[in-house]
Amino acid sequence: MKMKLLDKITGTIISGVVIAIVIAQGTDLSGANAANSLIIWIHVLAGVLWIGLLYYFNFVQVPSVAEANADESGPGPAAISKYVAPRALLWFRWAALLTWISGAAFLLHNGNLGDAFELGMRTGNSYATTIGIGAWMGTIMLFNVWILIWPNQKKVLGIVDATPEEKAKGARIAFLASRTNTMLSIPMLMSMVGAGHGFFM
């Protein structure tokens, strides 16, 4: 029997969600714990998608396009620029937003939102300090995605009209913002995971 359910990404995602719900039904979650678990689940799923695409861009796509541009006898980077990059950027920017919103929702739900963004300075809460560092880095990264990367990538990919000079400048800005996000993702992930497991601060 063919696994037609897995032929499309929507079927794959729905299947994964159903399996997760079945597993969750077997656990003892109620009230605040259930809400916490749901918010964190959404946060982690969106975060994996966001950072996974960030790493794809930096570790795979950017070097591949550079190689394609340098290969005079090759197919060129048009396939990536026309078909892959716009779709990847769509998932990338919305995953970034959902990651940030769900993270903020988790902190708000647990009464730590203000304390985290104050880095625990007012209360001396080490959890708020650790998670707050991650939250601030995530906020900077979200800003970079929506204010620097996406508007400039629209110019580079020809989604909006731009002169060759504007495209070149846009490519450099988007590149540096993406590299900044890759750099920040390393301590951000350390802070996020560390806060949940009682490490680092």
N, C-alpha and C. Protein backbone atom coordinates (compact mmCIF):
# COMPACT_ATOMS: atom_id res chain seq x y z
N MET A 1 0.84 -1.20 0.00
CA MET A 1 0.00 0.00 0.00
C MET A 1 0.88 1.25 0.00
N LYS A 2 0.59 2.15 -0.91
CA LYS A 2 1.38 3.37 -1.01
C LYS A 2 1.01 4.32 0.13
N MET A 3 2.01 5.06 0.60
CA MET A 3 1.80 6.04 1.66
C MET A 3 1.44 7.39 1.03
N LYS A 4 0.26 7.48 0.43
CA LYS A 4 -0.13 8.71 -0.27
C LYS A 4 -0.22 9.89 0.68
N LEU A 5 -0.49 9.62 1.97
CA LEU A 5 -0.58 10.67 2.96
C LEU A 5 0.72 11.47 3.05
N LEU A 6 1.85 10.80 2.79
CA LEU A 6 3.14 11.45 2.90
C LEU A 6 3.61 12.08 1.60
N ASP A 7 2.82 11.95 0.53
CA ASP A 7 3.21 12.53 -0.75
C ASP A 7 3.20 14.06 -0.71
N LYS A 8 2.34 14.63 0.09
CA LYS A 8 2.26 16.09 0.20
C LYS A 8 2.68 16.52 1.60
N ILE A 9 3.28 17.70 1.70
CA ILE A 9 3.77 18.17 2.99
C ILE A 9 2.62 18.39 3.97
N THR A 10 1.45 18.79 3.46
CA THR A 10 0.31 18.99 4.36
C THR A 10 -0.10 17.67 5.02
N GLY A 11 -0.11 16.59 4.24
CA GLY A 11 -0.44 15.29 4.82
C GLY A 11 0.58 14.85 5.84
N THR A 12 1.85 15.14 5.57
CA THR A 12 2.92 14.79 6.50
C THR A 12 2.76 15.56 7.81
N ILE A 13 2.49 16.86 7.70
CA ILE A 13 2.34 17.70 8.90
C ILE A 13 1.12 17.26 9.70
N ILE A 14 0.01 17.06 9.02
CA ILE A 14 -1.21 16.63 9.73
C ILE A 14 -0.98 15.30 10.44
N SER A 15 -0.29 14.37 9.78
CA SER A 15 0.01 13.08 10.39
C SER A 15 0.85 13.25 11.65
N GLY A 16 1.87 14.10 11.56
CA GLY A 16 2.73 14.36 12.71
C GLY A 16 1.97 14.97 13.87
N VAL A 17 1.08 15.92 13.57
CA VAL A 17 0.26 16.56 14.61
C VAL A 17 -0.66 15.53 15.26
N VAL A 18 -1.27 14.67 14.46
CA VAL A 18 -2.17 13.64 15.01
C VAL A 18 -1.41 12.70 15.93
N ILE A 19 -0.23 12.26 15.51
CA ILE A 19 0.58 11.38 16.36
C ILE A 19 0.93 12.09 17.66
N ALA A 20 1.32 13.36 17.58
CA ALA A 20 1.67 14.12 18.78
C ALA A 20 0.47 14.23 19.72
N ILE A 21 -0.72 14.48 19.17
CA ILE A 21 -1.93 14.60 20.00
C ILE A 21 -2.25 13.27 20.68
N VAL A 22 -2.09 12.17 19.95
CA VAL A 22 -2.33 10.84 20.54
C VAL A 22 -1.37 10.61 21.71
N ILE A 23 -0.09 10.96 21.51
CA ILE A 23 0.89 10.81 22.59
C ILE A 23 0.52 11.70 23.77
N ALA A 24 0.13 12.95 23.48
CA ALA A 24 -0.23 13.88 24.56
C ALA A 24 -1.43 13.38 25.36
N GLN A 25 -2.36 12.70 24.69
CA GLN A 25 -3.54 12.18 25.40
C GLN A 25 -3.16 11.16 26.46
N GLY A 26 -2.02 10.53 26.28
CA GLY A 26 -1.58 9.52 27.24
C GLY A 26 -0.80 10.09 28.41
N THR A 27 -0.64 11.42 28.44
CA THR A 27 0.09 12.04 29.54
C THR A 27 -0.88 12.70 30.51
N ASP A 28 -0.38 12.98 31.68
CA ASP A 28 -1.22 13.58 32.72
C ASP A 28 -1.01 15.09 32.72
N LEU A 29 -1.70 15.77 31.81
CA LEU A 29 -1.60 17.22 31.73
C LEU A 29 -2.97 17.84 31.98
N SER A 30 -2.99 18.86 32.78
CA SER A 30 -4.24 19.57 33.02
C SER A 30 -3.96 21.03 33.31
N GLY A 31 -4.90 21.88 33.01
CA GLY A 31 -4.82 23.30 33.35
C GLY A 31 -3.59 23.99 32.80
N ALA A 32 -2.83 24.62 33.71
CA ALA A 32 -1.66 25.41 33.32
C ALA A 32 -0.61 24.55 32.65
N ASN A 33 -0.45 23.30 33.11
CA ASN A 33 0.54 22.44 32.49
C ASN A 33 0.21 22.15 31.03
N ALA A 34 -1.07 21.93 30.75
CA ALA A 34 -1.49 21.68 29.37
C ALA A 34 -1.24 22.91 28.50
N ALA A 35 -1.57 24.08 29.01
CA ALA A 35 -1.35 25.32 28.25
C ALA A 35 0.14 25.53 28.03
N ASN A 36 0.95 25.34 29.07
CA ASN A 36 2.40 25.48 28.93
C ASN A 36 2.94 24.54 27.86
N SER A 37 2.50 23.29 27.93
CA SER A 37 2.99 22.29 26.98
C SER A 37 2.62 22.66 25.55
N LEU A 38 1.38 23.12 25.35
CA LEU A 38 0.94 23.49 24.00
C LEU A 38 1.74 24.68 23.47
N ILE A 39 1.92 25.69 24.30
CA ILE A 39 2.66 26.88 23.86
C ILE A 39 4.11 26.53 23.55
N ILE A 40 4.75 25.76 24.42
CA ILE A 40 6.14 25.37 24.19
C ILE A 40 6.27 24.51 22.94
N TRP A 41 5.30 23.61 22.74
CA TRP A 41 5.32 22.75 21.55
C TRP A 41 5.29 23.62 20.29
N ILE A 42 4.39 24.59 20.25
CA ILE A 42 4.31 25.50 19.10
C ILE A 42 5.61 26.30 18.96
N HIS A 43 6.13 26.78 20.09
CA HIS A 43 7.36 27.57 20.09
C HIS A 43 8.53 26.77 19.52
N VAL A 44 8.67 25.55 19.97
CA VAL A 44 9.79 24.72 19.52
C VAL A 44 9.63 24.34 18.05
N LEU A 45 8.41 23.95 17.64
CA LEU A 45 8.18 23.61 16.23
C LEU A 45 8.51 24.79 15.31
N ALA A 46 7.99 25.96 15.66
CA ALA A 46 8.24 27.14 14.84
C ALA A 46 9.72 27.51 14.88
N GLY A 47 10.33 27.40 16.05
CA GLY A 47 11.75 27.73 16.20
C GLY A 47 12.65 26.81 15.40
N VAL A 48 12.34 25.52 15.38
CA VAL A 48 13.12 24.58 14.57
C VAL A 48 13.02 24.93 13.10
N LEU A 49 11.81 25.28 12.65
CA LEU A 49 11.63 25.67 11.25
C LEU A 49 12.41 26.95 10.94
N TRP A 50 12.30 27.93 11.82
CA TRP A 50 12.98 29.21 11.62
C TRP A 50 14.49 29.04 11.57
N ILE A 51 15.06 28.45 12.61
CA ILE A 51 16.51 28.33 12.68
C ILE A 51 17.02 27.33 11.64
N GLY A 52 16.22 26.29 11.37
CA GLY A 52 16.61 25.35 10.32
C GLY A 52 16.75 26.04 8.97
N LEU A 53 15.81 26.90 8.64
CA LEU A 53 15.89 27.64 7.38
C LEU A 53 17.02 28.67 7.41
N LEU A 54 17.24 29.30 8.56
CA LEU A 54 18.37 30.23 8.70
C LEU A 54 19.68 29.51 8.40
N TYR A 55 19.85 28.32 8.96
CA TYR A 55 21.07 27.55 8.73
C TYR A 55 21.13 27.07 7.27
N TYR A 56 19.99 26.70 6.70
CA TYR A 56 19.97 26.31 5.29
C TYR A 56 20.48 27.47 4.42
N PHE A 57 19.97 28.68 4.66
CA PHE A 57 20.40 29.82 3.86
C PHE A 57 21.91 30.02 3.98
N ASN A 58 22.42 29.99 5.22
CA ASN A 58 23.82 30.32 5.46
C ASN A 58 24.80 29.19 5.13
N PHE A 59 24.40 27.95 5.39
CA PHE A 59 25.31 26.84 5.17
C PHE A 59 25.18 26.21 3.79
N VAL A 60 24.01 26.37 3.14
CA VAL A 60 23.76 25.68 1.87
C VAL A 60 23.51 26.67 0.72
N GLN A 61 22.48 27.50 0.85
CA GLN A 61 22.07 28.31 -0.29
C GLN A 61 23.09 29.37 -0.69
N VAL A 62 23.57 30.15 0.27
CA VAL A 62 24.51 31.24 -0.07
C VAL A 62 25.77 30.69 -0.73
N PRO A 63 26.43 29.66 -0.16
CA PRO A 63 27.62 29.12 -0.85
C PRO A 63 27.28 28.50 -2.22
N SER A 64 26.11 27.88 -2.33
CA SER A 64 25.73 27.25 -3.59
C SER A 64 25.50 28.29 -4.68
N VAL A 65 24.85 29.39 -4.35
CA VAL A 65 24.62 30.46 -5.33
C VAL A 65 25.96 31.07 -5.74
N ALA A 66 26.87 31.25 -4.79
CA ALA A 66 28.19 31.80 -5.12
C ALA A 66 28.92 30.87 -6.09
N GLU A 67 28.85 29.56 -5.83
CA GLU A 67 29.49 28.60 -6.73
C GLU A 67 28.81 28.61 -8.11
N ALA A 68 27.49 28.70 -8.11
CA ALA A 68 26.76 28.72 -9.38
C ALA A 68 27.11 29.97 -10.20
N ASN A 69 27.29 31.10 -9.52
CA ASN A 69 27.67 32.33 -10.22
C ASN A 69 29.08 32.23 -10.81
N ALA A 70 29.96 31.51 -10.12
CA ALA A 70 31.34 31.39 -10.57
C ALA A 70 31.52 30.35 -11.67
N ASP A 71 30.55 29.46 -11.82
CA ASP A 71 30.63 28.38 -12.81
C ASP A 71 30.05 28.84 -14.14
N GLU A 72 30.91 29.25 -15.05
CA GLU A 72 30.45 29.81 -16.32
C GLU A 72 29.73 28.79 -17.20
N SER A 73 30.07 27.52 -17.04
CA SER A 73 29.43 26.49 -17.87
C SER A 73 28.26 25.81 -17.15
N GLY A 74 27.97 26.25 -15.93
CA GLY A 74 26.91 25.61 -15.14
C GLY A 74 25.54 26.20 -15.41
N PRO A 75 24.53 25.70 -14.70
CA PRO A 75 23.16 26.15 -14.93
C PRO A 75 22.84 27.52 -14.34
N GLY A 76 23.72 28.05 -13.50
CA GLY A 76 23.46 29.34 -12.86
C GLY A 76 22.53 29.20 -11.67
N PRO A 77 22.34 30.28 -10.93
CA PRO A 77 21.54 30.23 -9.70
C PRO A 77 20.05 30.51 -9.90
N ALA A 78 19.60 30.58 -11.16
CA ALA A 78 18.22 31.01 -11.42
C ALA A 78 17.18 30.12 -10.76
N ALA A 79 17.41 28.81 -10.76
CA ALA A 79 16.42 27.91 -10.17
C ALA A 79 16.22 28.19 -8.69
N ILE A 80 17.33 28.43 -8.00
CA ILE A 80 17.23 28.74 -6.57
C ILE A 80 16.54 30.08 -6.37
N SER A 81 16.98 31.08 -7.13
CA SER A 81 16.44 32.44 -6.96
C SER A 81 14.96 32.53 -7.33
N LYS A 82 14.56 31.79 -8.35
CA LYS A 82 13.18 31.90 -8.84
C LYS A 82 12.21 31.00 -8.08
N TYR A 83 12.64 29.78 -7.73
CA TYR A 83 11.71 28.81 -7.17
C TYR A 83 11.94 28.50 -5.69
N VAL A 84 13.19 28.33 -5.29
CA VAL A 84 13.48 27.87 -3.93
C VAL A 84 13.46 29.03 -2.93
N ALA A 85 14.21 30.08 -3.21
CA ALA A 85 14.37 31.17 -2.24
C ALA A 85 13.05 31.84 -1.84
N PRO A 86 12.15 32.18 -2.78
CA PRO A 86 10.91 32.83 -2.35
C PRO A 86 10.07 31.95 -1.41
N ARG A 87 10.00 30.65 -1.69
CA ARG A 87 9.22 29.76 -0.82
C ARG A 87 9.91 29.60 0.53
N ALA A 88 11.22 29.45 0.52
CA ALA A 88 11.96 29.31 1.78
C ALA A 88 11.81 30.58 2.63
N LEU A 89 11.86 31.75 1.98
CA LEU A 89 11.70 33.01 2.71
C LEU A 89 10.30 33.18 3.27
N LEU A 90 9.30 32.65 2.58
CA LEU A 90 7.93 32.70 3.09
C LEU A 90 7.83 31.94 4.42
N TRP A 91 8.29 30.69 4.42
CA TRP A 91 8.27 29.89 5.65
C TRP A 91 9.18 30.51 6.72
N PHE A 92 10.31 31.03 6.30
CA PHE A 92 11.30 31.60 7.20
C PHE A 92 10.74 32.77 8.00
N ARG A 93 10.13 33.73 7.30
CA ARG A 93 9.69 34.94 8.01
C ARG A 93 8.48 34.67 8.90
N TRP A 94 7.55 33.80 8.46
CA TRP A 94 6.39 33.53 9.30
C TRP A 94 6.73 32.61 10.46
N ALA A 95 7.68 31.71 10.27
CA ALA A 95 8.16 30.88 11.38
C ALA A 95 8.84 31.76 12.43
N ALA A 96 9.58 32.77 11.97
CA ALA A 96 10.23 33.70 12.90
C ALA A 96 9.19 34.41 13.76
N LEU A 97 8.14 34.91 13.11
CA LEU A 97 7.10 35.62 13.85
C LEU A 97 6.37 34.71 14.83
N LEU A 98 6.02 33.50 14.38
CA LEU A 98 5.32 32.57 15.27
C LEU A 98 6.21 32.14 16.43
N THR A 99 7.50 31.98 16.18
CA THR A 99 8.42 31.63 17.26
C THR A 99 8.42 32.73 18.32
N TRP A 100 8.53 33.97 17.87
CA TRP A 100 8.59 35.09 18.83
C TRP A 100 7.28 35.22 19.59
N ILE A 101 6.15 35.17 18.88
CA ILE A 101 4.84 35.33 19.53
C ILE A 101 4.60 34.22 20.54
N SER A 102 4.91 32.97 20.17
CA SER A 102 4.68 31.86 21.10
C SER A 102 5.62 31.92 22.28
N GLY A 103 6.85 32.38 22.07
CA GLY A 103 7.78 32.57 23.19
C GLY A 103 7.29 33.64 24.15
N ALA A 104 6.84 34.75 23.60
CA ALA A 104 6.29 35.83 24.43
C ALA A 104 5.03 35.36 25.15
N ALA A 105 4.20 34.57 24.46
CA ALA A 105 2.97 34.04 25.09
C ALA A 105 3.31 33.13 26.26
N PHE A 106 4.34 32.32 26.11
CA PHE A 106 4.77 31.44 27.21
C PHE A 106 5.22 32.26 28.41
N LEU A 107 6.05 33.27 28.16
CA LEU A 107 6.53 34.11 29.27
C LEU A 107 5.38 34.87 29.92
N LEU A 108 4.45 35.37 29.12
CA LEU A 108 3.29 36.08 29.65
C LEU A 108 2.42 35.15 30.47
N HIS A 109 2.17 33.96 29.95
CA HIS A 109 1.32 32.97 30.63
C HIS A 109 1.89 32.60 32.00
N ASN A 110 3.22 32.62 32.11
CA ASN A 110 3.86 32.24 33.37
C ASN A 110 4.28 33.45 34.21
N GLY A 111 3.87 34.64 33.80
CA GLY A 111 4.15 35.83 34.59
C GLY A 111 5.59 36.30 34.54
N ASN A 112 6.33 35.93 33.48
CA ASN A 112 7.74 36.29 33.39
C ASN A 112 8.08 37.24 32.25
N LEU A 113 7.08 37.71 31.50
CA LEU A 113 7.37 38.50 30.31
C LEU A 113 8.16 39.77 30.64
N GLY A 114 7.62 40.59 31.53
CA GLY A 114 8.30 41.84 31.88
C GLY A 114 9.65 41.59 32.53
N ASP A 115 9.70 40.62 33.45
CA ASP A 115 10.94 40.31 34.16
C ASP A 115 12.01 39.82 33.19
N ALA A 116 11.61 39.02 32.19
CA ALA A 116 12.57 38.51 31.21
C ALA A 116 13.15 39.64 30.38
N PHE A 117 12.29 40.56 29.92
CA PHE A 117 12.80 41.65 29.09
C PHE A 117 13.54 42.70 29.92
N GLU A 118 13.43 42.63 31.25
CA GLU A 118 14.26 43.45 32.14
C GLU A 118 15.49 42.67 32.60
N LEU A 119 15.66 41.46 32.04
CA LEU A 119 16.79 40.57 32.33
C LEU A 119 16.88 40.20 33.81
N GLY A 120 15.74 40.19 34.49
CA GLY A 120 15.70 39.80 35.89
C GLY A 120 16.38 40.78 36.82
N MET A 121 16.70 41.98 36.36
CA MET A 121 17.45 42.95 37.17
C MET A 121 16.64 43.48 38.34
N ARG A 122 15.34 43.59 38.15
CA ARG A 122 14.50 44.13 39.22
C ARG A 122 14.25 43.09 40.31
N THR A 123 14.18 41.83 39.93
CA THR A 123 13.79 40.78 40.88
C THR A 123 14.94 39.88 41.31
N GLY A 124 16.04 39.91 40.56
CA GLY A 124 17.14 38.99 40.85
C GLY A 124 16.83 37.56 40.44
N ASN A 125 15.87 37.40 39.53
CA ASN A 125 15.44 36.08 39.07
C ASN A 125 16.40 35.59 37.99
N SER A 126 17.21 34.54 38.30
CA SER A 126 18.21 34.06 37.34
C SER A 126 17.56 33.43 36.12
N TYR A 127 16.38 32.83 36.30
CA TYR A 127 15.66 32.28 35.15
C TYR A 127 15.31 33.42 34.18
N ALA A 128 14.80 34.53 34.72
CA ALA A 128 14.42 35.67 33.88
C ALA A 128 15.64 36.24 33.18
N THR A 129 16.78 36.25 33.86
CA THR A 129 18.01 36.74 33.23
C THR A 129 18.39 35.87 32.05
N THR A 130 18.41 34.55 32.27
CA THR A 130 18.84 33.63 31.21
C THR A 130 17.87 33.63 30.05
N ILE A 131 16.58 33.47 30.33
CA ILE A 131 15.59 33.43 29.26
C ILE A 131 15.47 34.81 28.60
N GLY A 132 15.69 35.86 29.39
CA GLY A 132 15.63 37.22 28.85
C GLY A 132 16.71 37.50 27.84
N ILE A 133 17.91 36.98 28.09
CA ILE A 133 19.00 37.14 27.11
C ILE A 133 18.59 36.49 25.79
N GLY A 134 18.05 35.28 25.88
CA GLY A 134 17.56 34.60 24.68
C GLY A 134 16.43 35.35 24.02
N ALA A 135 15.52 35.90 24.83
CA ALA A 135 14.37 36.63 24.28
C ALA A 135 14.82 37.91 23.56
N TRP A 136 15.79 38.61 24.13
CA TRP A 136 16.29 39.81 23.47
C TRP A 136 17.00 39.47 22.16
N MET A 137 17.77 38.40 22.18
CA MET A 137 18.44 37.99 20.93
C MET A 137 17.41 37.58 19.88
N GLY A 138 16.38 36.85 20.31
CA GLY A 138 15.31 36.47 19.39
C GLY A 138 14.58 37.68 18.84
N THR A 139 14.42 38.71 19.67
CA THR A 139 13.76 39.94 19.23
C THR A 139 14.60 40.66 18.18
N ILE A 140 15.90 40.74 18.41
CA ILE A 140 16.80 41.36 17.43
C ILE A 140 16.76 40.57 16.13
N MET A 141 16.76 39.25 16.25
CA MET A 141 16.71 38.40 15.06
C MET A 141 15.41 38.56 14.29
N LEU A 142 14.30 38.68 15.02
CA LEU A 142 13.00 38.91 14.36
C LEU A 142 13.02 40.24 13.62
N PHE A 143 13.56 41.27 14.25
CA PHE A 143 13.70 42.58 13.60
C PHE A 143 14.50 42.43 12.31
N ASN A 144 15.61 41.72 12.38
CA ASN A 144 16.45 41.54 11.20
C ASN A 144 15.69 40.84 10.07
N VAL A 145 14.89 39.83 10.43
CA VAL A 145 14.13 39.09 9.41
C VAL A 145 13.17 40.01 8.69
N TRP A 146 12.35 40.75 9.44
CA TRP A 146 11.25 41.52 8.84
C TRP A 146 11.67 42.89 8.33
N ILE A 147 12.69 43.51 8.95
CA ILE A 147 13.06 44.88 8.59
C ILE A 147 14.27 44.94 7.66
N LEU A 148 15.17 43.97 7.77
CA LEU A 148 16.38 44.01 6.94
C LEU A 148 16.42 42.91 5.88
N ILE A 149 16.17 41.67 6.27
CA ILE A 149 16.33 40.56 5.32
C ILE A 149 15.22 40.54 4.27
N TRP A 150 13.96 40.47 4.71
CA TRP A 150 12.86 40.30 3.76
C TRP A 150 12.73 41.47 2.78
N PRO A 151 12.70 42.73 3.23
CA PRO A 151 12.57 43.82 2.25
C PRO A 151 13.71 43.85 1.23
N ASN A 152 14.91 43.53 1.67
CA ASN A 152 16.05 43.55 0.76
C ASN A 152 16.07 42.33 -0.16
N GLN A 153 15.64 41.18 0.35
CA GLN A 153 15.56 40.00 -0.51
C GLN A 153 14.51 40.17 -1.60
N LYS A 154 13.46 40.91 -1.31
CA LYS A 154 12.46 41.19 -2.35
C LYS A 154 13.10 41.94 -3.52
N LYS A 155 14.02 42.83 -3.24
CA LYS A 155 14.74 43.54 -4.31
C LYS A 155 15.66 42.58 -5.06
N VAL A 156 16.42 41.79 -4.32
CA VAL A 156 17.39 40.88 -4.91
C VAL A 156 16.69 39.86 -5.82
N LEU A 157 15.56 39.34 -5.38
CA LEU A 157 14.85 38.29 -6.12
C LEU A 157 13.94 38.84 -7.22
N GLY A 158 13.84 40.16 -7.32
CA GLY A 158 13.00 40.75 -8.35
C GLY A 158 11.52 40.76 -8.02
N ILE A 159 11.19 40.56 -6.77
CA ILE A 159 9.78 40.59 -6.34
C ILE A 159 9.27 42.03 -6.38
N VAL A 160 10.17 42.97 -6.08
CA VAL A 160 9.87 44.40 -6.26
C VAL A 160 10.92 44.98 -7.19
N ASP A 161 10.56 46.04 -7.88
CA ASP A 161 11.50 46.67 -8.81
C ASP A 161 12.65 47.32 -8.05
N ALA A 162 13.85 47.15 -8.58
CA ALA A 162 15.04 47.76 -7.99
C ALA A 162 16.11 47.88 -9.06
N THR A 163 16.91 48.92 -8.93
CA THR A 163 18.03 49.11 -9.86
C THR A 163 19.12 48.08 -9.50
N PRO A 164 20.07 47.87 -10.42
CA PRO A 164 21.18 46.97 -10.10
C PRO A 164 21.94 47.41 -8.84
N GLU A 165 22.09 48.71 -8.66
CA GLU A 165 22.77 49.21 -7.46
C GLU A 165 21.97 48.90 -6.20
N GLU A 166 20.65 49.09 -6.27
CA GLU A 166 19.79 48.78 -5.12
C GLU A 166 19.81 47.29 -4.80
N LYS A 167 19.85 46.47 -5.85
CA LYS A 167 19.92 45.02 -5.64
C LYS A 167 21.22 44.64 -4.97
N ALA A 168 22.32 45.22 -5.44
CA ALA A 168 23.63 44.90 -4.84
C ALA A 168 23.69 45.33 -3.39
N LYS A 169 23.18 46.54 -3.10
CA LYS A 169 23.16 47.03 -1.72
C LYS A 169 22.23 46.17 -0.87
N GLY A 170 21.07 45.83 -1.42
CA GLY A 170 20.12 44.99 -0.71
C GLY A 170 20.68 43.61 -0.40
N ALA A 171 21.41 43.04 -1.36
CA ALA A 171 22.01 41.73 -1.15
C ALA A 171 23.01 41.77 0.01
N ARG A 172 23.78 42.83 0.08
CA ARG A 172 24.79 42.95 1.15
C ARG A 172 24.11 43.12 2.51
N ILE A 173 23.07 43.94 2.58
CA ILE A 173 22.36 44.15 3.84
C ILE A 173 21.71 42.86 4.30
N ALA A 174 21.02 42.17 3.38
CA ALA A 174 20.35 40.92 3.74
C ALA A 174 21.37 39.87 4.18
N PHE A 175 22.50 39.81 3.48
CA PHE A 175 23.56 38.86 3.82
C PHE A 175 24.08 39.11 5.24
N LEU A 176 24.42 40.36 5.54
CA LEU A 176 24.97 40.68 6.86
C LEU A 176 23.94 40.45 7.97
N ALA A 177 22.67 40.78 7.71
CA ALA A 177 21.63 40.54 8.71
C ALA A 177 21.44 39.05 8.95
N SER A 178 21.52 38.27 7.88
CA SER A 178 21.38 36.82 8.02
C SER A 178 22.57 36.23 8.77
N ARG A 179 23.77 36.71 8.48
CA ARG A 179 24.94 36.23 9.20
C ARG A 179 24.90 36.65 10.67
N THR A 180 24.39 37.85 10.93
CA THR A 180 24.22 38.29 12.31
C THR A 180 23.26 37.37 13.04
N ASN A 181 22.15 37.01 12.39
CA ASN A 181 21.18 36.10 13.01
C ASN A 181 21.79 34.73 13.27
N THR A 182 22.60 34.24 12.34
CA THR A 182 23.27 32.96 12.55
C THR A 182 24.18 33.04 13.77
N MET A 183 24.94 34.11 13.88
CA MET A 183 25.83 34.32 15.03
C MET A 183 25.02 34.37 16.33
N LEU A 184 23.95 35.16 16.34
CA LEU A 184 23.14 35.32 17.55
C LEU A 184 22.38 34.05 17.91
N SER A 185 22.08 33.21 16.93
CA SER A 185 21.32 31.99 17.22
C SER A 185 22.06 31.06 18.16
N ILE A 186 23.38 31.10 18.14
CA ILE A 186 24.17 30.17 18.96
C ILE A 186 24.01 30.50 20.45
N PRO A 187 24.28 31.74 20.91
CA PRO A 187 24.02 32.04 22.32
C PRO A 187 22.53 32.08 22.65
N MET A 188 21.68 32.43 21.66
CA MET A 188 20.24 32.43 21.93
C MET A 188 19.76 31.03 22.29
N LEU A 189 20.16 30.03 21.50
CA LEU A 189 19.75 28.66 21.79
C LEU A 189 20.32 28.19 23.13
N MET A 190 21.55 28.59 23.43
CA MET A 190 22.14 28.24 24.72
C MET A 190 21.29 28.81 25.86
N SER A 191 20.87 30.07 25.72
CA SER A 191 20.08 30.71 26.78
C SER A 191 18.70 30.08 26.90
N MET A 192 18.05 29.82 25.78
CA MET A 192 16.71 29.24 25.80
C MET A 192 16.72 27.85 26.43
N VAL A 193 17.63 27.00 25.98
CA VAL A 193 17.71 25.64 26.52
C VAL A 193 18.20 25.68 27.97
N GLY A 194 19.18 26.53 28.23
CA GLY A 194 19.71 26.63 29.59
C GLY A 194 18.68 27.08 30.60
N ALA A 195 17.84 28.03 30.22
CA ALA A 195 16.80 28.53 31.13
C ALA A 195 15.83 27.42 31.51
N GLY A 196 15.50 26.58 30.55
CA GLY A 196 14.55 25.51 30.80
C GLY A 196 15.12 24.36 31.60
N HIS A 197 16.45 24.29 31.68
CA HIS A 197 17.09 23.17 32.36
C HIS A 197 17.94 23.61 33.55
N GLY A 198 17.82 24.87 33.92
CA GLY A 198 18.50 25.36 35.13
C GLY A 198 19.99 25.55 34.99
N PHE A 199 20.45 25.79 33.77
CA PHE A 199 21.89 25.95 33.56
C PHE A 199 22.24 27.39 33.24
N PHE A 200 23.51 27.66 33.19
CA PHE A 200 24.17 28.87 32.73
C PHE A 200 24.16 30.04 33.70
N MET A 201 23.03 30.46 34.27
CA MET A 201 23.11 31.64 35.14
C MET A 201 22.37 31.42 36.43
